[in-house]
C-alpha atoms as a PDB file:
ATOM      1  CA  MET A   1      50.758  66.292   0.872  1.00  0.00           C
ATOM      2  CA  PRO A   2      49.402  63.709  -1.029  1.00  0.00           C
ATOM      3  CA  LEU A   3      51.303  62.407  -3.743  1.00  0.00           C
ATOM      4  CA  LEU A   4      48.309  63.079  -6.437  1.00  0.00           C
ATOM      5  CA  GLN A   5      46.762  66.790  -4.658  1.00  0.00           C
ATOM      6  CA  GLY A   6      45.792  68.847  -7.500  1.00  0.00           C
ATOM      7  CA  LYS A   7      45.865  66.509 -10.308  1.00  0.00           C
ATOM      8  CA  VAL A   8      43.383  65.452 -12.170  1.00  0.00           C
ATOM      9  CA  ALA A   9      43.009  61.264 -13.324  1.00  0.00           C
ATOM     10  CA  ILE A  10      40.598  59.662 -15.894  1.00  0.00           C
ATOM     11  CA  VAL A  11      40.350  56.005 -15.212  1.00  0.00           C
ATOM     12  CA  THR A  12      38.582  54.201 -18.144  1.00  0.00           C
ATOM     13  CA  GLY A  13      36.751  50.986 -17.099  1.00  0.00           C
ATOM     14  CA  ALA A  14      37.089  52.152 -13.471  1.00  0.00           C
ATOM     15  CA  GLY A  15      33.270  50.591 -12.716  1.00  0.00           C
ATOM     16  CA  GLY A  16      35.107  47.112 -11.134  1.00  0.00           C
ATOM     17  CA  GLY A  17      38.347  45.567 -11.115  1.00  0.00           C
ATOM     18  CA  ILE A  18      41.365  47.002 -11.250  1.00  0.00           C
ATOM     19  CA  GLY A  19      40.158  49.993 -12.683  1.00  0.00           C
ATOM     20  CA  ARG A  20      38.122  50.599  -9.755  1.00  0.00           C
ATOM     21  CA  ALA A  21      41.253  49.628  -7.728  1.00  0.00           C
ATOM     22  CA  TYR A  22      43.284  52.256  -9.256  1.00  0.00           C
ATOM     23  CA  ALA A  23      40.433  55.041  -9.607  1.00  0.00           C
ATOM     24  CA  CYS A  24      39.697  54.571  -5.327  1.00  0.00           C
ATOM     25  CA  LEU A  25      44.087  54.579  -4.894  1.00  0.00           C
ATOM     26  CA  PHE A  26      44.219  57.874  -7.129  1.00  0.00           C
ATOM     27  CA  ALA A  27      41.424  59.695  -5.066  1.00  0.00           C
ATOM     28  CA  ARG A  28      42.967  58.640  -1.829  1.00  0.00           C
ATOM     29  CA  GLU A  29      46.178  59.889  -2.991  1.00  0.00           C
ATOM     30  CA  GLY A  30      44.404  63.352  -3.596  1.00  0.00           C
ATOM     31  CA  ALA A  31      43.279  62.868  -7.571  1.00  0.00           C
ATOM     32  CA  LYS A  32      40.290  64.544  -8.575  1.00  0.00           C
ATOM     33  CA  VAL A  33      38.668  61.072 -11.025  1.00  0.00           C
ATOM     34  CA  VAL A  34      36.643  60.574 -13.881  1.00  0.00           C
ATOM     35  CA  VAL A  35      35.531  57.656 -13.034  1.00  0.00           C
ATOM     36  CA  ASN A  36      34.797  55.729 -16.844  1.00  0.00           C
ATOM     37  CA  ASP A  37      32.636  53.177 -17.328  1.00  0.00           C
ATOM     38  CA  ILE A  38      29.902  52.151 -20.011  1.00  0.00           C
ATOM     39  CA  GLY A  39      28.661  49.172 -17.482  1.00  0.00           C
ATOM     40  CA  SER A  40      28.688  46.810 -20.197  1.00  0.00           C
ATOM     41  CA  GLN A  41      28.516  42.580 -19.321  1.00  0.00           C
ATOM     42  CA  ARG A  42      32.058  40.821 -19.615  1.00  0.00           C
ATOM     43  CA  ASP A  43      30.478  39.751 -22.923  1.00  0.00           C
ATOM     44  CA  GLY A  44      30.868  42.878 -24.163  1.00  0.00           C
ATOM     45  CA  SER A  45      27.022  43.210 -24.142  1.00  0.00           C
ATOM     46  CA  GLY A  46      24.457  46.264 -22.646  1.00  0.00           C
ATOM     47  CA  SER A  47      25.388  49.054 -20.640  1.00  0.00           C
ATOM     48  CA  SER A  48      24.746  50.748 -17.169  1.00  0.00           C
ATOM     49  CA  VAL A  49      25.492  53.660 -15.360  1.00  0.00           C
ATOM     50  CA  HIS A  50      25.785  51.711 -12.314  1.00  0.00           C
ATOM     51  CA  PRO A  51      29.361  50.769 -12.065  1.00  0.00           C
ATOM     52  CA  ALA A  52      30.393  54.060 -12.423  1.00  0.00           C
ATOM     53  CA  ASP A  53      27.910  55.630  -9.813  1.00  0.00           C
ATOM     54  CA  ALA A  54      28.681  52.618  -7.477  1.00  0.00           C
ATOM     55  CA  VAL A  55      32.672  53.974  -7.658  1.00  0.00           C
ATOM     56  CA  VAL A  56      31.752  57.636  -7.532  1.00  0.00           C
ATOM     57  CA  GLU A  57      29.697  56.762  -4.363  1.00  0.00           C
ATOM     58  CA  GLU A  58      32.393  55.197  -2.922  1.00  0.00           C
ATOM     59  CA  ILE A  59      35.007  57.894  -3.263  1.00  0.00           C
ATOM     60  CA  ARG A  60      33.167  60.929  -2.277  1.00  0.00           C
ATOM     61  CA  ALA A  61      31.968  58.787   0.830  1.00  0.00           C
ATOM     62  CA  ALA A  62      35.724  58.821   1.612  1.00  0.00           C
ATOM     63  CA  LYS A  63      36.072  62.804   1.236  1.00  0.00           C
ATOM     64  CA  GLY A  64      37.409  61.972  -2.612  1.00  0.00           C
ATOM     65  CA  GLU A  65      36.349  63.942  -5.635  1.00  0.00           C
ATOM     66  CA  ALA A  66      35.036  62.196  -8.325  1.00  0.00           C
ATOM     67  CA  VAL A  67      32.568  62.556 -11.524  1.00  0.00           C
ATOM     68  CA  ALA A  68      31.224  59.543 -13.485  1.00  0.00           C
ATOM     69  CA  ASN A  69      31.495  59.354 -17.284  1.00  0.00           C
ATOM     70  CA  TYR A  70      29.648  56.556 -19.440  1.00  0.00           C
ATOM     71  CA  ALA A  71      31.490  56.877 -22.859  1.00  0.00           C
ATOM     72  CA  SER A  72      32.879  54.325 -25.143  1.00  0.00           C
ATOM     73  CA  ALA A  73      36.694  54.736 -25.117  1.00  0.00           C
ATOM     74  CA  ALA A  74      36.770  52.843 -28.371  1.00  0.00           C
ATOM     75  CA  SER A  75      36.010  55.575 -30.501  1.00  0.00           C
ATOM     76  CA  VAL A  76      37.759  59.223 -30.872  1.00  0.00           C
ATOM     77  CA  GLU A  77      34.199  60.909 -30.170  1.00  0.00           C
ATOM     78  CA  GLY A  78      33.886  59.131 -26.872  1.00  0.00           C
ATOM     79  CA  ALA A  79      37.098  59.692 -25.744  1.00  0.00           C
ATOM     80  CA  ASP A  80      36.857  63.327 -26.576  1.00  0.00           C
ATOM     81  CA  GLY A  81      33.955  63.173 -24.540  1.00  0.00           C
ATOM     82  CA  ILE A  82      35.684  61.764 -21.195  1.00  0.00           C
ATOM     83  CA  VAL A  83      38.307  64.171 -21.749  1.00  0.00           C
ATOM     84  CA  ARG A  84      35.617  66.525 -22.246  1.00  0.00           C
ATOM     85  CA  ALA A  85      33.998  65.582 -19.035  1.00  0.00           C
ATOM     86  CA  ALA A  86      37.657  66.159 -17.002  1.00  0.00           C
ATOM     87  CA  THR A  87      38.003  69.626 -18.177  1.00  0.00           C
ATOM     88  CA  ASP A  88      34.291  70.493 -17.516  1.00  0.00           C
ATOM     89  CA  ALA A  89      34.323  69.171 -13.770  1.00  0.00           C
ATOM     90  CA  TYR A  90      38.006  70.307 -12.942  1.00  0.00           C
END
């Protein structure tokens, strides 16, 4: 049995880099993953749903379970929204 079977993982900044790597690893290990990323540029400007959506597609293509979330973890409201996405989905 995979190590994280039956668990839910929330990964912030999961649209690229090390966050993406962790999200994919957790999914391979059986976790249901909330891929959170606001999709901003490296300088913090802008936003896009594409980075989170692309990682969700990648996880699903590998037969994992994932949902995207685009809230900012920098505020209480945003963090609450991320957790709510996990509880609503799983």
